[in-house]
N, C-alpha and C. Protein backbone atom coordinates (compact mmCIF):
# COMPACT_ATOMS: atom_id res chain seq x y z
N MET A 1 -55.56 -16.33 -72.72
CA MET A 1 -54.90 -15.48 -74.00
C MET A 1 -53.17 -15.33 -73.73
N GLU A 2 -52.38 -15.20 -74.59
CA GLU A 2 -50.92 -15.24 -74.69
C GLU A 2 -50.59 -13.28 -73.72
N ILE A 3 -49.57 -14.09 -72.89
CA ILE A 3 -49.37 -12.81 -72.18
C ILE A 3 -47.48 -12.95 -72.24
N ILE A 4 -47.53 -11.19 -72.83
CA ILE A 4 -46.21 -11.02 -73.41
C ILE A 4 -45.29 -9.70 -72.04
N LEU A 5 -44.17 -10.34 -71.60
CA LEU A 5 -43.55 -8.98 -70.81
C LEU A 5 -42.97 -8.37 -71.11
N ALA A 6 -43.15 -6.88 -71.27
CA ALA A 6 -42.64 -5.70 -71.80
C ALA A 6 -41.60 -5.09 -71.46
N SER A 7 -40.29 -6.17 -71.18
CA SER A 7 -39.35 -5.72 -70.43
C SER A 7 -38.29 -6.87 -70.75
N LYS A 8 -37.30 -6.51 -70.95
CA LYS A 8 -35.45 -7.35 -71.40
C LYS A 8 -35.01 -7.32 -69.55
N SER A 9 -35.69 -7.28 -68.60
CA SER A 9 -34.95 -6.97 -67.19
C SER A 9 -35.40 -8.82 -67.23
N PRO A 10 -33.76 -9.12 -67.06
CA PRO A 10 -33.65 -10.93 -66.52
C PRO A 10 -34.38 -10.92 -65.11
N ARG A 11 -34.80 -9.89 -64.00
CA ARG A 11 -34.99 -10.08 -62.65
C ARG A 11 -37.03 -10.31 -62.96
N ARG A 12 -37.07 -9.16 -63.74
CA ARG A 12 -38.75 -9.34 -63.51
C ARG A 12 -39.19 -11.03 -64.42
N LYS A 13 -38.38 -11.04 -65.88
CA LYS A 13 -38.79 -12.60 -66.29
C LYS A 13 -38.72 -13.58 -65.34
N GLU A 14 -37.35 -13.83 -64.09
CA GLU A 14 -37.27 -14.77 -63.31
C GLU A 14 -38.42 -14.75 -62.07
N LEU A 15 -38.99 -13.47 -62.03
CA LEU A 15 -40.15 -13.92 -61.05
C LEU A 15 -41.48 -14.01 -61.73
N LEU A 16 -41.63 -13.34 -62.88
CA LEU A 16 -42.94 -13.94 -63.62
C LEU A 16 -42.89 -15.63 -63.97
N GLU A 17 -41.65 -16.18 -64.26
CA GLU A 17 -41.71 -17.66 -64.01
C GLU A 17 -41.63 -18.11 -62.81
N MET A 18 -41.84 -17.55 -61.90
CA MET A 18 -41.93 -18.30 -60.71
C MET A 18 -43.29 -18.33 -60.49
N CYS A 19 -44.00 -17.99 -61.30
CA CYS A 19 -45.86 -18.13 -61.09
C CYS A 19 -46.35 -19.26 -62.03
N LYS A 20 -45.34 -19.94 -62.52
CA LYS A 20 -45.83 -20.73 -63.69
C LYS A 20 -46.63 -20.60 -64.59
N ILE A 21 -46.60 -19.20 -65.14
CA ILE A 21 -47.74 -18.48 -66.36
C ILE A 21 -46.88 -18.91 -67.68
N ASP A 22 -47.40 -18.94 -68.53
CA ASP A 22 -46.68 -19.15 -70.11
C ASP A 22 -46.76 -17.93 -70.67
N PHE A 23 -45.45 -17.56 -71.10
CA PHE A 23 -45.20 -15.62 -71.61
C PHE A 23 -43.87 -15.53 -72.16
N PHE A 24 -43.95 -15.21 -73.01
CA PHE A 24 -43.06 -14.41 -73.54
C PHE A 24 -42.30 -13.10 -73.40
N THR A 25 -41.29 -12.93 -73.76
CA THR A 25 -40.83 -11.23 -73.52
C THR A 25 -40.80 -10.30 -74.68
N GLU A 26 -40.96 -9.10 -74.91
CA GLU A 26 -40.25 -8.20 -75.59
C GLU A 26 -39.66 -7.00 -75.34
N ALA A 27 -39.08 -6.33 -75.79
CA ALA A 27 -38.31 -5.52 -74.99
C ALA A 27 -38.99 -3.95 -75.85
N SER A 28 -39.57 -3.16 -74.89
CA SER A 28 -39.77 -2.18 -75.10
C SER A 28 -39.28 -0.70 -75.37
N GLU A 29 -38.90 -0.04 -76.06
CA GLU A 29 -38.04 1.16 -76.30
C GLU A 29 -39.14 2.49 -76.30
N VAL A 30 -38.87 3.20 -75.12
CA VAL A 30 -39.70 4.54 -74.90
C VAL A 30 -39.11 5.50 -74.96
N ASN A 31 -39.17 6.47 -75.10
CA ASN A 31 -38.05 7.93 -74.57
C ASN A 31 -38.98 8.14 -73.42
N GLU A 32 -37.71 7.91 -72.28
CA GLU A 32 -38.00 8.21 -71.11
C GLU A 32 -38.16 9.58 -70.57
N GLU A 33 -37.21 10.17 -70.90
CA GLU A 33 -36.59 11.44 -71.37
C GLU A 33 -37.72 12.51 -71.40
N GLU A 34 -38.44 12.19 -72.48
CA GLU A 34 -39.53 13.22 -72.97
C GLU A 34 -40.58 12.95 -72.05
N ILE A 35 -41.16 11.58 -71.58
CA ILE A 35 -42.39 11.36 -70.91
C ILE A 35 -41.86 12.11 -69.60
N GLU A 36 -41.00 11.77 -68.73
CA GLU A 36 -40.31 12.58 -67.30
C GLU A 36 -40.67 14.22 -67.70
N ARG A 37 -40.21 14.09 -68.79
CA ARG A 37 -40.58 16.13 -68.84
C ARG A 37 -41.78 16.37 -69.30
N THR A 38 -42.44 15.99 -69.47
CA THR A 38 -43.88 16.53 -69.94
C THR A 38 -44.75 16.29 -68.54
N LEU A 39 -44.26 14.43 -68.04
CA LEU A 39 -45.40 14.83 -66.86
C LEU A 39 -44.77 15.95 -65.49
N PHE A 40 -43.72 16.11 -65.91
CA PHE A 40 -42.73 16.74 -64.69
C PHE A 40 -43.58 18.72 -65.07
N SER A 41 -43.80 18.44 -66.04
CA SER A 41 -44.43 20.16 -66.39
C SER A 41 -45.47 20.43 -65.64
N SER A 42 -46.38 19.18 -65.92
CA SER A 42 -48.06 19.43 -65.60
C SER A 42 -48.03 18.75 -64.23
N SER A 43 -47.08 18.95 -62.91
CA SER A 43 -47.26 18.22 -62.27
C SER A 43 -46.33 19.20 -60.86
N LYS A 44 -45.66 20.30 -61.41
CA LYS A 44 -45.37 21.12 -60.66
C LYS A 44 -45.46 21.57 -58.95
N SER A 45 -46.57 21.04 -58.70
CA SER A 45 -46.89 21.62 -57.49
C SER A 45 -46.60 20.01 -56.05
N LYS A 46 -46.75 18.92 -57.22
CA LYS A 46 -46.82 17.65 -56.63
C LYS A 46 -45.23 17.59 -56.37
N SER A 47 -45.70 16.56 -54.96
CA SER A 47 -44.31 16.27 -54.13
C SER A 47 -43.22 15.11 -54.77
N MET A 48 -42.15 15.23 -54.71
CA MET A 48 -41.12 14.21 -55.36
C MET A 48 -41.61 12.67 -55.50
N PHE A 49 -42.62 12.33 -54.45
CA PHE A 49 -43.09 10.98 -54.28
C PHE A 49 -44.19 10.81 -54.99
N GLU A 50 -45.12 12.02 -55.34
CA GLU A 50 -46.35 11.56 -55.64
C GLU A 50 -45.49 12.00 -57.40
N LYS A 51 -44.61 12.50 -57.97
CA LYS A 51 -44.10 12.87 -59.03
C LYS A 51 -43.36 11.65 -59.88
N ALA A 52 -43.00 10.79 -58.52
CA ALA A 52 -42.44 9.65 -58.61
C ALA A 52 -43.46 8.40 -59.04
N GLU A 53 -44.72 8.21 -58.70
CA GLU A 53 -45.56 7.48 -58.88
C GLU A 53 -46.13 7.59 -60.14
N LEU A 54 -46.64 9.20 -60.28
CA LEU A 54 -47.10 8.95 -61.42
C LEU A 54 -46.57 9.01 -62.63
N LEU A 55 -44.81 9.33 -62.57
CA LEU A 55 -43.87 8.78 -63.55
C LEU A 55 -43.91 7.25 -63.76
N THR A 56 -43.87 6.41 -62.61
CA THR A 56 -43.61 4.93 -63.08
C THR A 56 -44.77 4.31 -63.54
N LEU A 57 -45.93 4.72 -63.40
CA LEU A 57 -47.03 4.68 -63.93
C LEU A 57 -47.00 4.62 -65.32
N SER A 58 -47.02 6.07 -65.77
CA SER A 58 -47.05 6.39 -67.02
C SER A 58 -45.56 5.84 -68.01
N LEU A 59 -44.80 5.47 -67.40
CA LEU A 59 -43.59 4.87 -68.62
C LEU A 59 -44.32 3.23 -68.74
N ALA A 60 -45.08 2.87 -67.35
CA ALA A 60 -44.79 0.99 -67.40
C ALA A 60 -46.07 1.37 -68.15
N TYR A 61 -47.06 1.94 -69.02
CA TYR A 61 -48.28 2.51 -69.45
C TYR A 61 -47.64 2.39 -71.08
N ASN A 62 -46.60 3.08 -71.28
CA ASN A 62 -46.26 3.53 -72.79
C ASN A 62 -45.19 2.59 -73.11
N LYS A 63 -45.02 1.83 -72.30
CA LYS A 63 -43.76 0.85 -72.34
C LYS A 63 -45.19 -0.38 -73.07
N ALA A 64 -45.99 -0.71 -72.25
CA ALA A 64 -47.25 -1.81 -72.56
C ALA A 64 -47.84 -1.55 -73.95
N LEU A 65 -47.92 0.00 -74.29
CA LEU A 65 -48.29 0.09 -75.52
C LEU A 65 -47.64 -0.25 -76.78
N VAL A 66 -46.41 0.48 -76.65
CA VAL A 66 -45.69 -0.04 -77.49
C VAL A 66 -45.69 -1.46 -77.95
N VAL A 67 -45.49 -2.35 -77.47
CA VAL A 67 -45.80 -4.20 -77.78
C VAL A 67 -46.82 -4.28 -78.03
N SER A 68 -48.20 -3.70 -77.73
CA SER A 68 -49.61 -3.95 -77.90
C SER A 68 -49.26 -3.56 -79.19
N GLU A 69 -49.55 -2.42 -79.66
CA GLU A 69 -48.97 -2.24 -81.04
C GLU A 69 -49.30 -3.51 -82.01
N ASN A 70 -48.03 -4.18 -81.59
CA ASN A 70 -47.67 -5.01 -82.89
C ASN A 70 -47.90 -6.43 -82.42
N ASN A 71 -49.04 -6.69 -81.31
CA ASN A 71 -49.32 -7.75 -80.74
C ASN A 71 -50.89 -8.00 -80.33
N PRO A 72 -51.96 -7.81 -81.41
CA PRO A 72 -53.37 -7.79 -81.02
C PRO A 72 -53.61 -9.23 -80.35
N ASN A 73 -54.75 -8.94 -79.64
CA ASN A 73 -55.35 -10.06 -78.64
C ASN A 73 -54.43 -10.93 -77.77
N LYS A 74 -53.26 -10.24 -77.40
CA LYS A 74 -52.45 -10.51 -76.29
C LYS A 74 -52.14 -9.48 -75.22
N ILE A 75 -52.21 -9.78 -74.10
CA ILE A 75 -52.45 -9.13 -72.45
C ILE A 75 -50.74 -8.82 -72.75
N VAL A 76 -50.32 -7.47 -72.60
CA VAL A 76 -48.70 -6.87 -72.38
C VAL A 76 -48.64 -6.24 -71.19
N ILE A 77 -47.62 -6.97 -70.14
CA ILE A 77 -47.36 -5.92 -68.74
C ILE A 77 -46.49 -5.26 -69.34
N GLY A 78 -46.54 -4.12 -68.86
CA GLY A 78 -45.53 -2.69 -68.66
C GLY A 78 -45.16 -2.74 -67.41
N SER A 79 -43.84 -2.14 -67.02
CA SER A 79 -43.13 -1.89 -65.72
C SER A 79 -42.37 -1.15 -65.92
N ASP A 80 -41.96 -0.22 -64.89
CA ASP A 80 -41.14 0.29 -64.26
C ASP A 80 -40.52 0.80 -63.00
N THR A 81 -39.63 1.09 -62.80
CA THR A 81 -38.72 0.97 -61.25
C THR A 81 -38.17 2.18 -60.88
N ILE A 82 -38.73 3.08 -59.99
CA ILE A 82 -38.01 3.96 -60.07
C ILE A 82 -37.89 4.21 -58.41
N VAL A 83 -36.28 4.63 -58.06
CA VAL A 83 -35.78 5.03 -56.87
C VAL A 83 -35.80 6.34 -56.39
N VAL A 84 -36.26 6.81 -55.72
CA VAL A 84 -36.29 8.18 -55.07
C VAL A 84 -36.34 8.67 -53.62
N SER A 85 -35.80 9.87 -53.26
CA SER A 85 -35.57 10.27 -52.24
C SER A 85 -36.46 11.45 -52.56
N ASP A 86 -36.46 12.46 -51.17
CA ASP A 86 -37.45 13.46 -50.98
C ASP A 86 -37.00 14.89 -51.77
N ASP A 87 -36.07 14.69 -53.00
CA ASP A 87 -35.62 15.50 -53.52
C ASP A 87 -34.89 15.29 -55.09
N GLU A 88 -35.44 13.97 -55.14
CA GLU A 88 -34.53 13.83 -56.07
C GLU A 88 -35.07 12.38 -56.98
N ILE A 89 -35.15 12.18 -58.25
CA ILE A 89 -35.76 10.70 -58.40
C ILE A 89 -34.01 10.00 -59.18
N LEU A 90 -33.84 9.03 -58.44
CA LEU A 90 -32.26 8.45 -58.75
C LEU A 90 -32.76 7.43 -60.02
N GLY A 91 -32.20 7.73 -61.20
CA GLY A 91 -32.67 6.62 -62.42
C GLY A 91 -31.20 6.09 -62.31
N LYS A 92 -30.88 5.02 -63.69
CA LYS A 92 -29.88 4.53 -63.91
C LYS A 92 -29.02 5.40 -63.85
N PRO A 93 -27.45 5.02 -63.52
CA PRO A 93 -26.39 5.81 -63.21
C PRO A 93 -25.89 6.39 -64.24
N LYS A 94 -25.02 7.39 -65.02
CA LYS A 94 -24.51 7.12 -66.21
C LYS A 94 -23.09 7.27 -65.98
N ASN A 95 -22.62 6.81 -65.03
CA ASN A 95 -21.18 6.26 -65.21
C ASN A 95 -20.99 6.06 -63.78
N HIS A 96 -19.63 5.64 -63.49
CA HIS A 96 -19.22 5.11 -62.04
C HIS A 96 -19.25 5.97 -60.84
N GLU A 97 -18.86 7.15 -61.51
CA GLU A 97 -19.19 8.47 -60.46
C GLU A 97 -20.25 8.89 -60.02
N ASP A 98 -21.43 8.72 -61.10
CA ASP A 98 -23.37 9.28 -60.80
C ASP A 98 -23.05 7.62 -59.74
N ALA A 99 -23.07 6.77 -60.27
CA ALA A 99 -23.34 5.63 -59.35
C ALA A 99 -22.96 5.78 -57.65
N TYR A 100 -21.64 6.25 -57.79
CA TYR A 100 -21.66 6.58 -56.25
C TYR A 100 -21.70 7.69 -55.74
N ARG A 101 -22.12 8.57 -56.15
CA ARG A 101 -22.87 9.73 -55.64
C ARG A 101 -24.23 9.33 -55.30
N MET A 102 -25.09 8.52 -56.12
CA MET A 102 -26.32 8.08 -55.39
C MET A 102 -26.15 7.39 -54.42
N LEU A 103 -25.23 6.23 -54.22
CA LEU A 103 -24.97 5.44 -53.24
C LEU A 103 -25.00 6.26 -51.89
N ARG A 104 -23.76 7.49 -52.08
CA ARG A 104 -23.61 7.93 -50.92
C ARG A 104 -24.52 8.87 -50.73
N LYS A 105 -25.48 9.42 -51.33
CA LYS A 105 -26.28 9.98 -51.14
C LYS A 105 -27.42 9.41 -50.20
N LEU A 106 -28.01 8.20 -50.36
CA LEU A 106 -28.74 7.32 -49.52
C LEU A 106 -28.11 7.01 -48.30
N CYS A 107 -27.02 7.15 -47.98
CA CYS A 107 -26.69 5.92 -46.83
C CYS A 107 -27.05 6.90 -45.71
N GLY A 108 -27.67 6.24 -44.66
CA GLY A 108 -28.25 7.22 -43.23
C GLY A 108 -29.33 7.11 -43.53
N THR A 109 -29.80 7.25 -45.03
CA THR A 109 -31.55 7.51 -45.10
C THR A 109 -32.55 6.82 -45.60
N LYS A 110 -34.04 7.50 -45.74
CA LYS A 110 -34.90 6.19 -46.01
C LYS A 110 -35.45 6.53 -47.48
N HIS A 111 -35.42 6.34 -47.89
CA HIS A 111 -36.04 6.58 -49.85
C HIS A 111 -37.47 5.45 -49.87
N ARG A 112 -37.70 5.87 -51.02
CA ARG A 112 -38.66 4.82 -51.36
C ARG A 112 -38.54 4.41 -53.52
N VAL A 113 -38.57 3.09 -53.36
CA VAL A 113 -38.78 2.40 -54.40
C VAL A 113 -40.29 2.02 -55.06
N TYR A 114 -40.36 2.83 -55.90
CA TYR A 114 -41.71 2.66 -56.61
C TYR A 114 -41.37 1.65 -57.96
N THR A 115 -42.57 1.01 -58.16
CA THR A 115 -42.51 -0.08 -59.23
C THR A 115 -44.05 0.17 -59.76
N GLY A 116 -44.55 0.69 -61.24
CA GLY A 116 -45.42 0.78 -61.82
C GLY A 116 -45.54 -0.14 -62.58
N ILE A 117 -46.62 -0.82 -63.11
CA ILE A 117 -47.60 -1.68 -63.43
C ILE A 117 -48.84 -1.72 -64.45
N SER A 118 -48.53 -1.68 -65.76
CA SER A 118 -49.90 -1.25 -66.42
C SER A 118 -49.96 -2.87 -67.67
N ILE A 119 -51.27 -3.03 -67.45
CA ILE A 119 -51.79 -4.25 -68.13
C ILE A 119 -52.31 -3.71 -69.37
N VAL A 120 -52.26 -3.74 -70.73
CA VAL A 120 -52.59 -3.75 -72.00
C VAL A 120 -52.90 -4.72 -72.28
N ASN A 121 -54.24 -4.34 -73.55
CA ASN A 121 -54.81 -5.47 -74.55
C ASN A 121 -55.26 -4.48 -75.86
N ASN A 122 -54.63 -4.78 -76.50
CA ASN A 122 -55.54 -4.18 -77.93
C ASN A 122 -55.36 -2.61 -77.77
N GLU A 123 -54.45 -2.40 -77.23
CA GLU A 123 -53.84 -1.27 -77.38
C GLU A 123 -55.04 0.05 -76.12
N LYS A 124 -55.83 -0.91 -75.33
CA LYS A 124 -56.44 -0.51 -73.97
C LYS A 124 -56.05 -0.78 -72.75
N GLU A 125 -55.68 0.10 -71.76
CA GLU A 125 -55.24 -0.20 -70.55
C GLU A 125 -56.39 -0.77 -69.91
N LEU A 126 -56.27 -1.88 -69.21
CA LEU A 126 -57.23 -2.96 -68.49
C LEU A 126 -57.05 -2.28 -67.19
N GLU A 127 -55.69 -2.28 -66.82
CA GLU A 127 -55.63 -1.84 -65.09
C GLU A 127 -54.26 -1.48 -65.11
N SER A 128 -53.98 -0.62 -64.05
CA SER A 128 -52.65 -0.28 -63.43
C SER A 128 -52.45 -0.20 -62.43
N PHE A 129 -51.35 0.06 -61.72
CA PHE A 129 -51.21 0.15 -60.12
C PHE A 129 -50.21 0.48 -60.01
N ALA A 130 -49.49 0.88 -58.96
CA ALA A 130 -48.12 1.22 -58.51
C ALA A 130 -47.85 0.93 -56.97
N SER A 131 -46.65 0.38 -56.37
CA SER A 131 -46.64 -0.30 -55.25
C SER A 131 -45.10 0.47 -54.98
N PHE A 132 -44.93 0.63 -53.32
CA PHE A 132 -44.13 1.55 -52.92
C PHE A 132 -43.47 0.97 -51.89
N THR A 133 -42.03 0.47 -51.66
CA THR A 133 -41.48 0.30 -50.45
C THR A 133 -40.54 1.29 -50.18
N GLU A 134 -40.60 1.24 -48.91
CA GLU A 134 -39.55 2.30 -47.82
C GLU A 134 -38.32 1.69 -47.88
N VAL A 135 -37.14 1.81 -48.36
CA VAL A 135 -35.84 1.38 -48.05
C VAL A 135 -35.10 1.92 -47.23
N GLU A 136 -33.98 1.56 -46.45
CA GLU A 136 -33.61 2.28 -45.21
C GLU A 136 -32.04 2.20 -45.21
N PHE A 137 -30.60 3.04 -46.11
CA PHE A 137 -29.44 2.56 -45.99
C PHE A 137 -28.78 2.61 -44.59
N PHE A 138 -27.90 1.76 -44.63
CA PHE A 138 -27.23 1.87 -43.05
C PHE A 138 -26.20 3.60 -43.35
N GLU A 139 -25.68 3.89 -42.19
CA GLU A 139 -24.92 5.13 -42.29
C GLU A 139 -23.71 4.85 -42.77
N TYR A 140 -23.07 6.27 -43.73
CA TYR A 140 -22.17 5.84 -43.89
C TYR A 140 -21.02 5.83 -43.12
N ASP A 141 -20.16 4.29 -43.63
CA ASP A 141 -18.75 4.41 -42.38
C ASP A 141 -17.65 3.99 -43.70
N GLU A 142 -16.43 3.38 -42.89
CA GLU A 142 -15.56 2.69 -44.20
C GLU A 142 -15.83 1.47 -44.52
N ASN A 143 -16.83 0.81 -43.70
CA ASN A 143 -17.59 -0.45 -44.03
C ASN A 143 -18.65 -0.17 -45.68
N MET A 144 -19.63 0.82 -45.16
CA MET A 144 -20.17 1.50 -46.37
C MET A 144 -19.38 1.67 -47.62
N GLU A 145 -18.28 2.89 -47.33
CA GLU A 145 -17.27 2.87 -48.07
C GLU A 145 -16.73 2.04 -49.26
N LYS A 146 -16.20 0.60 -48.48
CA LYS A 146 -15.45 -0.25 -48.69
C LYS A 146 -16.89 -1.22 -49.68
N ILE A 147 -18.26 -1.42 -49.32
CA ILE A 147 -19.01 -1.82 -49.88
C ILE A 147 -19.34 -1.56 -51.47
N ILE A 148 -19.41 -0.15 -51.17
CA ILE A 148 -20.03 1.13 -52.21
C ILE A 148 -18.82 0.86 -53.51
N ASN A 149 -17.59 0.85 -53.12
CA ASN A 149 -16.80 0.44 -54.28
C ASN A 149 -16.63 -0.62 -54.60
N ASP A 150 -16.42 -1.68 -54.07
CA ASP A 150 -16.64 -2.91 -54.45
C ASP A 150 -17.97 -2.80 -55.40
N TYR A 151 -19.15 -2.90 -54.54
CA TYR A 151 -19.89 -3.05 -55.73
C TYR A 151 -20.15 -2.32 -57.26
N ILE A 152 -19.45 -1.24 -57.25
CA ILE A 152 -19.25 -0.41 -58.25
C ILE A 152 -18.56 -1.13 -59.19
N ILE A 153 -17.39 -1.63 -58.61
CA ILE A 153 -16.22 -2.05 -59.69
C ILE A 153 -16.77 -3.49 -60.26
N SER A 154 -17.83 -4.09 -59.55
CA SER A 154 -18.56 -5.69 -60.29
C SER A 154 -19.68 -4.77 -61.28
N GLU A 155 -19.48 -3.51 -61.51
CA GLU A 155 -20.59 -3.23 -62.66
C GLU A 155 -21.83 -3.23 -62.61
N SER A 156 -22.34 -4.42 -61.89
CA SER A 156 -23.94 -4.66 -61.16
C SER A 156 -24.91 -3.31 -61.11
N PRO A 157 -24.27 -2.26 -60.43
CA PRO A 157 -25.11 -1.01 -60.29
C PRO A 157 -25.70 -0.28 -61.61
N MET A 158 -24.68 -0.66 -62.45
CA MET A 158 -25.03 0.33 -63.59
C MET A 158 -26.26 0.07 -64.71
N ASP A 159 -26.79 -0.47 -64.52
CA ASP A 159 -28.11 -1.18 -65.02
C ASP A 159 -29.49 -1.25 -64.39
N LYS A 160 -29.37 -0.76 -62.49
CA LYS A 160 -30.49 -0.16 -61.72
C LYS A 160 -30.81 0.99 -61.65
N ALA A 161 -32.33 1.40 -61.42
CA ALA A 161 -32.70 2.48 -60.80
C ALA A 161 -32.60 3.07 -59.66
N GLY A 162 -30.97 3.58 -58.85
CA GLY A 162 -30.50 4.52 -57.80
C GLY A 162 -29.39 3.60 -57.98
N ALA A 163 -29.10 2.57 -58.67
CA ALA A 163 -27.40 2.15 -58.51
C ALA A 163 -27.42 1.26 -57.57
N TYR A 164 -28.53 0.22 -57.29
CA TYR A 164 -28.82 -0.67 -56.72
C TYR A 164 -29.67 -2.08 -56.83
N GLY A 165 -29.63 -2.93 -56.51
CA GLY A 165 -30.45 -3.91 -56.30
C GLY A 165 -30.39 -4.91 -55.13
N ILE A 166 -31.33 -5.20 -54.84
CA ILE A 166 -32.04 -5.76 -53.50
C ILE A 166 -31.55 -7.32 -53.78
N GLN A 167 -31.42 -7.93 -54.77
CA GLN A 167 -31.29 -9.18 -54.73
C GLN A 167 -29.59 -9.44 -55.01
N ASP A 168 -28.92 -8.90 -55.13
CA ASP A 168 -27.38 -8.87 -55.57
C ASP A 168 -26.60 -8.12 -53.90
N MET A 169 -25.71 -7.62 -54.54
CA MET A 169 -24.55 -7.11 -53.10
C MET A 169 -25.00 -6.05 -52.72
N GLY A 170 -26.04 -5.49 -53.77
CA GLY A 170 -26.48 -4.12 -52.77
C GLY A 170 -27.38 -4.11 -51.69
N ALA A 171 -27.72 -5.87 -51.19
CA ALA A 171 -28.18 -6.02 -49.90
C ALA A 171 -27.47 -5.33 -49.28
N LEU A 172 -26.33 -5.30 -49.42
CA LEU A 172 -25.60 -5.22 -47.99
C LEU A 172 -25.64 -3.96 -47.88
N LEU A 173 -25.60 -2.96 -48.66
CA LEU A 173 -26.22 -1.55 -48.18
C LEU A 173 -27.68 -1.37 -47.35
N ILE A 174 -28.20 -2.21 -47.23
CA ILE A 174 -29.92 -2.15 -46.86
C ILE A 174 -29.80 -2.40 -45.37
N LYS A 175 -30.24 -1.71 -44.61
CA LYS A 175 -30.33 -1.83 -43.14
C LYS A 175 -31.66 -2.68 -42.66
N ASN A 176 -33.25 -1.83 -43.86
CA ASN A 176 -34.38 -2.13 -43.40
C ASN A 176 -34.89 -1.63 -44.38
N ILE A 177 -36.14 -2.52 -44.86
CA ILE A 177 -37.33 -2.21 -45.74
C ILE A 177 -38.84 -2.27 -44.88
N LEU A 178 -39.67 -1.49 -45.44
CA LEU A 178 -40.64 -1.37 -44.86
C LEU A 178 -42.02 -1.59 -46.45
N GLY A 179 -42.40 -2.54 -46.57
CA GLY A 179 -43.01 -3.22 -47.94
C GLY A 179 -42.82 -4.32 -48.49
N ASP A 180 -42.74 -4.40 -49.83
CA ASP A 180 -43.20 -5.45 -50.41
C ASP A 180 -41.46 -5.69 -51.23
N TYR A 181 -41.20 -6.71 -50.98
CA TYR A 181 -39.54 -7.16 -51.36
C TYR A 181 -39.09 -6.78 -52.98
N TYR A 182 -40.42 -7.43 -53.44
CA TYR A 182 -40.64 -7.49 -54.96
C TYR A 182 -40.41 -6.66 -55.74
N THR A 183 -41.09 -5.65 -55.04
CA THR A 183 -41.52 -4.08 -55.67
C THR A 183 -40.33 -3.66 -55.89
N VAL A 184 -38.84 -3.49 -54.77
CA VAL A 184 -37.59 -3.51 -55.56
C VAL A 184 -37.04 -4.29 -56.09
N MET A 185 -37.16 -5.45 -56.22
CA MET A 185 -36.91 -6.05 -57.17
C MET A 185 -36.95 -5.77 -58.64
N GLY A 186 -38.13 -5.15 -58.37
CA GLY A 186 -38.70 -4.59 -59.96
C GLY A 186 -40.27 -5.46 -60.44
N LEU A 187 -40.95 -5.88 -59.55
CA LEU A 187 -41.89 -6.80 -60.04
C LEU A 187 -43.03 -6.98 -59.03
N PRO A 188 -43.81 -6.33 -58.85
CA PRO A 188 -44.97 -6.96 -57.34
C PRO A 188 -45.62 -7.34 -57.52
N ILE A 189 -44.73 -8.86 -57.76
CA ILE A 189 -45.63 -10.15 -57.94
C ILE A 189 -46.74 -10.70 -57.56
N SER A 190 -46.76 -10.74 -56.51
CA SER A 190 -48.48 -11.14 -55.53
C SER A 190 -49.52 -10.48 -56.15
N LYS A 191 -49.25 -9.37 -56.22
CA LYS A 191 -50.89 -8.63 -56.82
C LYS A 191 -50.96 -8.78 -58.33
N LEU A 192 -49.73 -8.14 -58.94
CA LEU A 192 -49.66 -8.92 -60.48
C LEU A 192 -50.17 -9.90 -60.83
N TYR A 193 -49.51 -11.30 -59.74
CA TYR A 193 -50.33 -12.76 -60.04
C TYR A 193 -51.69 -12.64 -60.37
N ARG A 194 -52.58 -12.08 -59.15
CA ARG A 194 -54.20 -11.94 -58.73
C ARG A 194 -54.78 -11.57 -59.98
N ILE A 195 -54.07 -10.39 -60.43
CA ILE A 195 -54.68 -9.90 -61.63
C ILE A 195 -54.77 -10.55 -63.15
N LEU A 196 -53.68 -11.02 -63.04
CA LEU A 196 -53.52 -12.08 -64.16
C LEU A 196 -54.38 -13.49 -64.10
N LEU A 197 -54.53 -13.64 -63.12
CA LEU A 197 -55.36 -14.89 -62.83
C LEU A 197 -56.96 -14.32 -63.02
N SER A 198 -57.70 -13.18 -62.88
CA SER A 198 -58.51 -13.23 -63.21
C SER A 198 -59.06 -12.87 -64.84
N TYR A 199 -57.78 -12.92 -65.71
CA TYR A 199 -57.94 -12.27 -66.81
C TYR A 199 -57.89 -14.17 -67.50
N GLN A 200 -57.59 -14.84 -66.99
CA GLN A 200 -57.43 -16.11 -67.33
C GLN A 200 -58.66 -17.25 -67.03
N LYS A 201 -59.87 -16.40 -66.43
CA LYS A 201 -60.68 -17.19 -65.94
C LYS A 201 -61.72 -17.25 -67.07
């Protein structure tokens, strides 16, 4: 059965290619702000981490569903990655100032990166799961200030949740991770691969 990755992320594409699975990509556009607003209005009592997990699963499912509507009899993989502190979900930065605010906020703290995966076939959800990894940034000092500013000048943070990527210069900000590296990169590939194998039998 043909597989579609409902994402335009070159990082996710690279990870799935690593598995030697035949697939093609198709970008999926959903109203992320509306989905977030609807979900948060119904989960006010939950912690920010619980909200982040629910949101990444909802976004992944909706992205897969949009692509599945036009691709019958194909397995569609939707995914979404969210960076969250204990009091804020950090999406893609709006501008350089917002990127600086996010990265400065994360200095000297631990936060979580959630990636949600949803697998859809013929507009029906086959399986979904969320994975999270705890990430710790170095304390703020003059070295961190330089790294943050140089990183922002490179423009790399501007298309990434939380304004950083673990696979590029953003790695210089990170002191430690606890969990799956590829979850932070945007695709928990080990678990996803095993699920895909089960549908190819």
